[in-house]
Amino acid sequence: MPPEPIALDALCDTCEQQLLGFRLRGERDTASCDAILCRAAAHDDPAISALVQVSAPLLRRHYPLRQRDGIDDWAQNVLLQVVVKMRNRESPYQIKPPPPRPFVAYQAYLKITGRNLAYDQLRAEPDRAEVSLEQVRAAPGNAVADPRSDLAELERLMRFEWLLERIRKPLDREIFRMRFGLHLAPDATVAALGQQGQDVTKQQVFRSVERTVRYLSTLPEVRDMFEE
């Protein structure tokens, strides 16, 4: 007899803690978030509501415009798009085999959807009816990423997640994530690791990166990446 599924309330609480742990300490466990997403993608309405609950605070951190006065309407529209997509049976949200983990790929989808809606939001303003993408990007205070870069960004994210999965030592993996995922300088990496209780010097950060790149470059699947 299959085990009873975990209650959504418990999954939400754990998912929120996992997302906080990822943001503060680089912990990579998203199992509860993955479980919510899988249920939502199977058109389970309570799970879709739970997905919206855990997505809302995550989404607001990725608002792509500098002016914040439209963030509430924007967030509501993005979350509505998520609900519509999860309920769509003809063109449903698809969970593909990892890497990356399902919720990691979903975060990329959430960010991409948000960027596109923010661009549409700007285009819909009466005084911007004829605005071009280049003008939007150049306008002070209204910077937004080029939607044409979305596929490249998702591909980069998936490739980076795939690389992280192959770094065997947790400390080397975290240093690589900070340096090349978060783009932290060596000094900032040392400081961030210190906040996690890791006593690491800048020289050790350099050696870790060199060791990791040397190891990854031996893998046939990524050798070409380091030879470009």
C-alpha atoms as a PDB file:
ATOM      1  CA  MET A   1       0.000   0.000   0.000  1.00  0.00           C
ATOM      2  CA  PRO A   2       1.608   3.339  -1.051  1.00  0.00           C
ATOM      3  CA  PRO A   3       2.403   5.806   1.746  1.00  0.00           C
ATOM      4  CA  GLU A   4       0.054   8.700   2.363  1.00  0.00           C
ATOM      5  CA  PRO A   5       1.199  11.910   0.648  1.00  0.00           C
ATOM      6  CA  ILE A   6       2.601  14.568   2.951  1.00  0.00           C
ATOM      7  CA  ALA A   7       0.089  17.289   3.855  1.00  0.00           C
ATOM      8  CA  LEU A   8       0.464  20.449   1.787  1.00  0.00           C
ATOM      9  CA  ASP A   9       0.702  22.683   4.860  1.00  0.00           C
ATOM     10  CA  ALA A  10       3.724  20.723   6.049  1.00  0.00           C
ATOM     11  CA  LEU A  11       5.254  20.772   2.564  1.00  0.00           C
ATOM     12  CA  CYS A  12       4.798  24.553   2.353  1.00  0.00           C
ATOM     13  CA  ASP A  13       6.484  25.129   5.711  1.00  0.00           C
ATOM     14  CA  THR A  14       9.417  22.898   4.761  1.00  0.00           C
ATOM     15  CA  CYS A  15       9.676  24.410   1.273  1.00  0.00           C
ATOM     16  CA  GLU A  16       9.845  27.936   2.682  1.00  0.00           C
ATOM     17  CA  GLN A  17      12.610  26.833   5.072  1.00  0.00           C
ATOM     18  CA  GLN A  18      14.487  25.155   2.208  1.00  0.00           C
ATOM     19  CA  LEU A  19      14.283  28.305   0.077  1.00  0.00           C
ATOM     20  CA  LEU A  20      15.558  30.366   3.014  1.00  0.00           C
ATOM     21  CA  GLY A  21      18.383  27.901   3.574  1.00  0.00           C
ATOM     22  CA  PHE A  22      19.339  28.082  -0.091  1.00  0.00           C
ATOM     23  CA  ARG A  23      19.376  31.885  -0.042  1.00  0.00           C
ATOM     24  CA  LEU A  24      21.322  32.250   3.221  1.00  0.00           C
ATOM     25  CA  ARG A  25      23.554  29.193   3.313  1.00  0.00           C
ATOM     26  CA  GLY A  26      23.550  27.707  -0.180  1.00  0.00           C
ATOM     27  CA  GLU A  27      21.815  24.511   0.973  1.00  0.00           C
ATOM     28  CA  ARG A  28      20.621  22.636  -2.105  1.00  0.00           C
ATOM     29  CA  ASP A  29      17.684  20.589  -0.793  1.00  0.00           C
ATOM     30  CA  THR A  30      14.434  21.517  -2.587  1.00  0.00           C
ATOM     31  CA  ALA A  31      12.624  18.202  -2.109  1.00  0.00           C
ATOM     32  CA  SER A  32       9.496  19.706  -0.526  1.00  0.00           C
ATOM     33  CA  CYS A  33       9.314  22.466  -3.134  1.00  0.00           C
ATOM     34  CA  ASP A  34       9.713  19.827  -5.850  1.00  0.00           C
ATOM     35  CA  ALA A  35       6.837  17.824  -4.342  1.00  0.00           C
ATOM     36  CA  ILE A  36       4.507  20.844  -4.365  1.00  0.00           C
ATOM     37  CA  LEU A  37       5.441  21.654  -7.941  1.00  0.00           C
ATOM     38  CA  CYS A  38       4.853  18.072  -9.128  1.00  0.00           C
ATOM     39  CA  ARG A  39       1.379  18.033  -7.587  1.00  0.00           C
ATOM     40  CA  ALA A  40       0.575  21.455  -9.056  1.00  0.00           C
ATOM     41  CA  ALA A  41       1.756  20.386 -12.511  1.00  0.00           C
ATOM     42  CA  ALA A  42      -0.647  17.429 -12.218  1.00  0.00           C
ATOM     43  CA  HIS A  43      -3.519  19.980 -12.013  1.00  0.00           C
ATOM     44  CA  ASP A  44      -4.107  19.566  -8.251  1.00  0.00           C
ATOM     45  CA  ASP A  45      -5.851  22.806  -7.219  1.00  0.00           C
ATOM     46  CA  PRO A  46      -4.785  22.792  -3.532  1.00  0.00           C
ATOM     47  CA  ALA A  47      -1.190  22.209  -4.663  1.00  0.00           C
ATOM     48  CA  ILE A  48      -1.480  25.067  -7.161  1.00  0.00           C
ATOM     49  CA  SER A  49      -2.587  27.340  -4.297  1.00  0.00           C
ATOM     50  CA  ALA A  50       0.371  26.125  -2.240  1.00  0.00           C
ATOM     51  CA  LEU A  51       2.718  26.803  -5.151  1.00  0.00           C
ATOM     52  CA  VAL A  52       1.401  30.368  -5.388  1.00  0.00           C
ATOM     53  CA  GLN A  53       1.969  30.773  -1.636  1.00  0.00           C
ATOM     54  CA  VAL A  54       5.652  29.801  -1.793  1.00  0.00           C
ATOM     55  CA  SER A  55       6.199  31.636  -5.099  1.00  0.00           C
ATOM     56  CA  ALA A  56       4.881  35.054  -4.039  1.00  0.00           C
ATOM     57  CA  PRO A  57       7.780  36.169  -1.777  1.00  0.00           C
ATOM     58  CA  LEU A  58      10.301  34.531  -4.103  1.00  0.00           C
ATOM     59  CA  LEU A  59       8.854  36.358  -7.094  1.00  0.00           C
ATOM     60  CA  ARG A  60       8.913  39.829  -5.521  1.00  0.00           C
ATOM     61  CA  ARG A  61      12.690  39.599  -5.107  1.00  0.00           C
ATOM     62  CA  HIS A  62      13.004  39.282  -8.897  1.00  0.00           C
ATOM     63  CA  TYR A  63      11.006  42.356  -9.922  1.00  0.00           C
ATOM     64  CA  PRO A  64      13.035  43.484 -12.967  1.00  0.00           C
ATOM     65  CA  LEU A  65      12.132  47.200 -12.948  1.00  0.00           C
ATOM     66  CA  ARG A  66      13.791  49.756 -10.708  1.00  0.00           C
ATOM     67  CA  GLN A  67      10.557  51.667 -10.131  1.00  0.00           C
ATOM     68  CA  ARG A  68       8.582  49.742  -7.519  1.00  0.00           C
ATOM     69  CA  ASP A  69       5.164  51.377  -7.789  1.00  0.00           C
ATOM     70  CA  GLY A  70       3.797  48.684 -10.113  1.00  0.00           C
ATOM     71  CA  ILE A  71       5.121  45.644  -8.267  1.00  0.00           C
ATOM     72  CA  ASP A  72       1.806  44.573  -6.700  1.00  0.00           C
ATOM     73  CA  ASP A  73      -0.117  44.454  -9.982  1.00  0.00           C
ATOM     74  CA  TRP A  74       2.858  42.808 -11.675  1.00  0.00           C
ATOM     75  CA  ALA A  75       3.196  40.081  -9.021  1.00  0.00           C
ATOM     76  CA  GLN A  76      -0.526  39.352  -9.144  1.00  0.00           C
ATOM     77  CA  ASN A  77      -0.405  39.021 -12.938  1.00  0.00           C
ATOM     78  CA  VAL A  78       2.621  36.714 -12.843  1.00  0.00           C
ATOM     79  CA  LEU A  79       1.009  34.453 -10.243  1.00  0.00           C
ATOM     80  CA  LEU A  80      -2.198  34.399 -12.296  1.00  0.00           C
ATOM     81  CA  GLN A  81      -0.108  33.224 -15.258  1.00  0.00           C
ATOM     82  CA  VAL A  82       1.294  30.443 -13.062  1.00  0.00           C
ATOM     83  CA  VAL A  83      -2.209  29.323 -12.060  1.00  0.00           C
ATOM     84  CA  VAL A  84      -3.409  29.338 -15.680  1.00  0.00           C
ATOM     85  CA  LYS A  85      -0.352  27.357 -16.812  1.00  0.00           C
ATOM     86  CA  MET A  86      -0.701  24.748 -14.075  1.00  0.00           C
ATOM     87  CA  ARG A  87      -4.391  24.243 -14.894  1.00  0.00           C
ATOM     88  CA  ASN A  88      -3.837  24.070 -18.643  1.00  0.00           C
ATOM     89  CA  ARG A  89      -4.413  20.504 -19.823  1.00  0.00           C
ATOM     90  CA  GLU A  90      -3.684  21.144 -23.501  1.00  0.00           C
ATOM     91  CA  SER A  91      -0.320  22.842 -22.971  1.00  0.00           C
ATOM     92  CA  PRO A  92       0.595  22.012 -19.362  1.00  0.00           C
ATOM     93  CA  TYR A  93       3.667  22.990 -17.423  1.00  0.00           C
ATOM     94  CA  GLN A  94       6.139  20.187 -18.032  1.00  0.00           C
ATOM     95  CA  ILE A  95       8.591  18.826 -15.488  1.00  0.00           C
ATOM     96  CA  LYS A  96      11.615  17.419 -17.256  1.00  0.00           C
ATOM     97  CA  PRO A  97      14.155  14.978 -15.807  1.00  0.00           C
ATOM     98  CA  PRO A  98      16.865  16.714 -13.764  1.00  0.00           C
ATOM     99  CA  PRO A  99      19.204  18.436 -13.849  1.00  0.00           C
ATOM    100  CA  PRO A 100      18.263  20.966 -12.848  1.00  0.00           C
ATOM    101  CA  ARG A 101      15.969  20.005 -10.015  1.00  0.00           C
ATOM    102  CA  PRO A 102      12.298  20.656 -10.823  1.00  0.00           C
ATOM    103  CA  PHE A 103      11.949  23.718  -8.582  1.00  0.00           C
ATOM    104  CA  VAL A 104      15.192  25.220  -9.889  1.00  0.00           C
ATOM    105  CA  ALA A 105      13.808  25.048 -13.433  1.00  0.00           C
ATOM    106  CA  TYR A 106      10.489  26.448 -12.164  1.00  0.00           C
ATOM    107  CA  GLN A 107      12.277  29.451 -10.652  1.00  0.00           C
ATOM    108  CA  ALA A 108      13.782  30.159 -14.069  1.00  0.00           C
ATOM    109  CA  TYR A 109      10.289  29.899 -15.591  1.00  0.00           C
ATOM    110  CA  LEU A 110       8.949  32.268 -12.917  1.00  0.00           C
ATOM    111  CA  LYS A 111      11.700  34.796 -13.563  1.00  0.00           C
ATOM    112  CA  ILE A 112      11.279  34.628 -17.336  1.00  0.00           C
ATOM    113  CA  THR A 113       7.495  35.046 -17.093  1.00  0.00           C
ATOM    114  CA  GLY A 114       7.979  38.007 -14.765  1.00  0.00           C
ATOM    115  CA  ARG A 115      10.413  39.713 -17.103  1.00  0.00           C
ATOM    116  CA  ASN A 116       8.136  39.331 -20.086  1.00  0.00           C
ATOM    117  CA  LEU A 117       5.109  40.665 -18.189  1.00  0.00           C
ATOM    118  CA  ALA A 118       7.133  43.614 -16.893  1.00  0.00           C
ATOM    119  CA  TYR A 119       8.079  44.485 -20.450  1.00  0.00           C
ATOM    120  CA  ASP A 120       4.435  44.195 -21.544  1.00  0.00           C
ATOM    121  CA  GLN A 121       3.461  46.358 -18.573  1.00  0.00           C
ATOM    122  CA  LEU A 122       5.756  49.131 -19.773  1.00  0.00           C
ATOM    123  CA  ARG A 123       4.530  48.829 -23.347  1.00  0.00           C
ATOM    124  CA  ALA A 124       0.911  49.154 -22.165  1.00  0.00           C
ATOM    125  CA  GLU A 125       1.464  52.556 -20.534  1.00  0.00           C
ATOM    126  CA  PRO A 126      -0.203  55.322 -22.627  1.00  0.00           C
ATOM    127  CA  ASP A 127       2.979  57.334 -23.040  1.00  0.00           C
ATOM    128  CA  ARG A 128       4.941  54.214 -24.028  1.00  0.00           C
ATOM    129  CA  ALA A 129       2.617  52.734 -26.623  1.00  0.00           C
ATOM    130  CA  GLU A 130       5.322  52.888 -29.309  1.00  0.00           C
ATOM    131  CA  VAL A 131       8.296  52.212 -27.055  1.00  0.00           C
ATOM    132  CA  SER A 132      10.927  49.865 -28.412  1.00  0.00           C
ATOM    133  CA  LEU A 133      12.849  47.304 -26.416  1.00  0.00           C
ATOM    134  CA  GLU A 134      16.041  49.315 -26.855  1.00  0.00           C
ATOM    135  CA  GLN A 135      14.351  52.463 -25.507  1.00  0.00           C
ATOM    136  CA  VAL A 136      13.027  50.579 -22.486  1.00  0.00           C
ATOM    137  CA  ARG A 137      16.453  49.217 -21.663  1.00  0.00           C
ATOM    138  CA  ALA A 138      18.040  52.661 -22.044  1.00  0.00           C
ATOM    139  CA  ALA A 139      15.435  54.609 -20.044  1.00  0.00           C
ATOM    140  CA  PRO A 140      16.697  55.576 -16.559  1.00  0.00           C
ATOM    141  CA  GLY A 141      14.840  53.736 -13.815  1.00  0.00           C
ATOM    142  CA  ASN A 142      13.070  51.332 -16.153  1.00  0.00           C
ATOM    143  CA  ALA A 143      15.744  48.787 -16.983  1.00  0.00           C
ATOM    144  CA  VAL A 144      14.398  45.352 -17.888  1.00  0.00           C
ATOM    145  CA  ALA A 145      16.134  42.330 -19.358  1.00  0.00           C
ATOM    146  CA  ASP A 146      15.743  41.553 -23.045  1.00  0.00           C
ATOM    147  CA  PRO A 147      13.086  38.810 -23.351  1.00  0.00           C
ATOM    148  CA  ARG A 148      15.051  37.399 -26.279  1.00  0.00           C
ATOM    149  CA  SER A 149      17.731  36.321 -23.826  1.00  0.00           C
ATOM    150  CA  ASP A 150      15.333  34.088 -21.852  1.00  0.00           C
ATOM    151  CA  LEU A 151      16.207  30.803 -23.560  1.00  0.00           C
ATOM    152  CA  ALA A 152      19.923  31.500 -23.240  1.00  0.00           C
ATOM    153  CA  GLU A 153      19.462  32.274 -19.544  1.00  0.00           C
ATOM    154  CA  LEU A 154      17.541  29.062 -18.923  1.00  0.00           C
ATOM    155  CA  GLU A 155      20.183  27.078 -20.806  1.00  0.00           C
ATOM    156  CA  ARG A 156      22.923  28.729 -18.719  1.00  0.00           C
ATOM    157  CA  LEU A 157      21.070  27.961 -15.492  1.00  0.00           C
ATOM    158  CA  MET A 158      20.578  24.321 -16.423  1.00  0.00           C
ATOM    159  CA  ARG A 159      24.215  23.916 -17.445  1.00  0.00           C
ATOM    160  CA  PHE A 160      25.435  25.556 -14.213  1.00  0.00           C
ATOM    161  CA  GLU A 161      23.173  23.361 -12.080  1.00  0.00           C
ATOM    162  CA  TRP A 162      24.482  20.323 -13.952  1.00  0.00           C
ATOM    163  CA  LEU A 163      28.063  21.365 -13.170  1.00  0.00           C
ATOM    164  CA  LEU A 164      27.305  21.867  -9.479  1.00  0.00           C
ATOM    165  CA  GLU A 165      25.872  18.360  -9.232  1.00  0.00           C
ATOM    166  CA  ARG A 166      29.258  16.973 -10.312  1.00  0.00           C
ATOM    167  CA  ILE A 167      31.403  18.794  -7.739  1.00  0.00           C
ATOM    168  CA  ARG A 168      31.924  16.177  -5.055  1.00  0.00           C
ATOM    169  CA  LYS A 169      33.154  18.200  -2.040  1.00  0.00           C
ATOM    170  CA  PRO A 170      30.433  20.391  -0.444  1.00  0.00           C
ATOM    171  CA  LEU A 171      32.844  23.262   0.285  1.00  0.00           C
ATOM    172  CA  ASP A 172      34.227  23.281  -3.275  1.00  0.00           C
ATOM    173  CA  ARG A 173      30.650  23.188  -4.585  1.00  0.00           C
ATOM    174  CA  GLU A 174      29.641  26.160  -2.423  1.00  0.00           C
ATOM    175  CA  ILE A 175      32.701  28.195  -3.417  1.00  0.00           C
ATOM    176  CA  PHE A 176      32.025  27.493  -7.091  1.00  0.00           C
ATOM    177  CA  ARG A 177      28.361  28.512  -6.626  1.00  0.00           C
ATOM    178  CA  MET A 178      29.320  31.785  -4.965  1.00  0.00           C
ATOM    179  CA  ARG A 179      32.046  32.698  -7.429  1.00  0.00           C
ATOM    180  CA  PHE A 180      30.292  31.745 -10.685  1.00  0.00           C
ATOM    181  CA  GLY A 181      26.607  31.577  -9.738  1.00  0.00           C
ATOM    182  CA  LEU A 182      26.327  34.592  -7.438  1.00  0.00           C
ATOM    183  CA  HIS A 183      29.357  36.322  -9.014  1.00  0.00           C
ATOM    184  CA  LEU A 184      30.865  37.185  -5.629  1.00  0.00           C
ATOM    185  CA  ALA A 185      34.402  38.543  -5.500  1.00  0.00           C
ATOM    186  CA  PRO A 186      36.940  36.411  -3.571  1.00  0.00           C
ATOM    187  CA  ASP A 187      36.787  38.681  -0.508  1.00  0.00           C
ATOM    188  CA  ALA A 188      32.973  38.597  -0.534  1.00  0.00           C
ATOM    189  CA  THR A 189      33.091  34.809  -0.917  1.00  0.00           C
ATOM    190  CA  VAL A 190      35.312  34.530   2.167  1.00  0.00           C
ATOM    191  CA  ALA A 191      32.918  36.786   4.111  1.00  0.00           C
ATOM    192  CA  ALA A 192      29.840  34.810   3.003  1.00  0.00           C
ATOM    193  CA  LEU A 193      31.484  31.509   3.944  1.00  0.00           C
ATOM    194  CA  GLY A 194      32.389  33.007   7.312  1.00  0.00           C
ATOM    195  CA  GLN A 195      28.702  33.695   7.924  1.00  0.00           C
ATOM    196  CA  GLN A 196      28.101  29.987   7.317  1.00  0.00           C
ATOM    197  CA  GLY A 197      30.722  29.094   9.931  1.00  0.00           C
ATOM    198  CA  GLN A 198      33.423  28.203   7.387  1.00  0.00           C
ATOM    199  CA  ASP A 199      36.928  29.460   8.209  1.00  0.00           C
ATOM    200  CA  VAL A 200      38.345  29.880   4.701  1.00  0.00           C
ATOM    201  CA  THR A 201      41.040  32.244   3.396  1.00  0.00           C
ATOM    202  CA  LYS A 202      41.074  33.998   0.049  1.00  0.00           C
ATOM    203  CA  GLN A 203      43.985  31.817  -1.045  1.00  0.00           C
ATOM    204  CA  GLN A 204      41.938  28.718  -0.250  1.00  0.00           C
ATOM    205  CA  VAL A 205      39.113  30.102  -2.386  1.00  0.00           C
ATOM    206  CA  PHE A 206      41.520  30.501  -5.312  1.00  0.00           C
ATOM    207  CA  ARG A 207      42.878  26.979  -4.841  1.00  0.00           C
ATOM    208  CA  SER A 208      39.360  25.536  -4.588  1.00  0.00           C
ATOM    209  CA  VAL A 209      38.299  27.162  -7.860  1.00  0.00           C
ATOM    210  CA  GLU A 210      41.449  25.959  -9.618  1.00  0.00           C
ATOM    211  CA  ARG A 211      40.928  22.429  -8.286  1.00  0.00           C
ATOM    212  CA  THR A 212      37.263  22.393  -9.320  1.00  0.00           C
ATOM    213  CA  VAL A 213      37.885  23.732 -12.825  1.00  0.00           C
ATOM    214  CA  ARG A 214      40.709  21.230 -13.290  1.00  0.00           C
ATOM    215  CA  TYR A 215      38.423  18.371 -12.226  1.00  0.00           C
ATOM    216  CA  LEU A 216      35.445  19.505 -14.328  1.00  0.00           C
ATOM    217  CA  SER A 217      37.661  19.908 -17.368  1.00  0.00           C
ATOM    218  CA  THR A 218      38.438  16.184 -17.221  1.00  0.00           C
ATOM    219  CA  LEU A 219      34.778  15.299 -17.799  1.00  0.00           C
ATOM    220  CA  PRO A 220      34.125  14.584 -21.495  1.00  0.00           C
ATOM    221  CA  GLU A 221      30.745  16.330 -21.355  1.00  0.00           C
ATOM    222  CA  VAL A 222      32.237  19.668 -20.313  1.00  0.00           C
ATOM    223  CA  ARG A 223      35.745  19.567 -21.728  1.00  0.00           C
ATOM    224  CA  ASP A 224      34.777  21.704 -24.704  1.00  0.00           C
ATOM    225  CA  MET A 225      33.349  24.344 -22.366  1.00  0.00           C
ATOM    226  CA  PHE A 226      36.758  24.992 -20.839  1.00  0.00           C
ATOM    227  CA  GLU A 227      38.598  24.846 -24.151  1.00  0.00           C
ATOM    228  CA  GLU A 228      36.559  27.671 -25.781  1.00  0.00           C
END
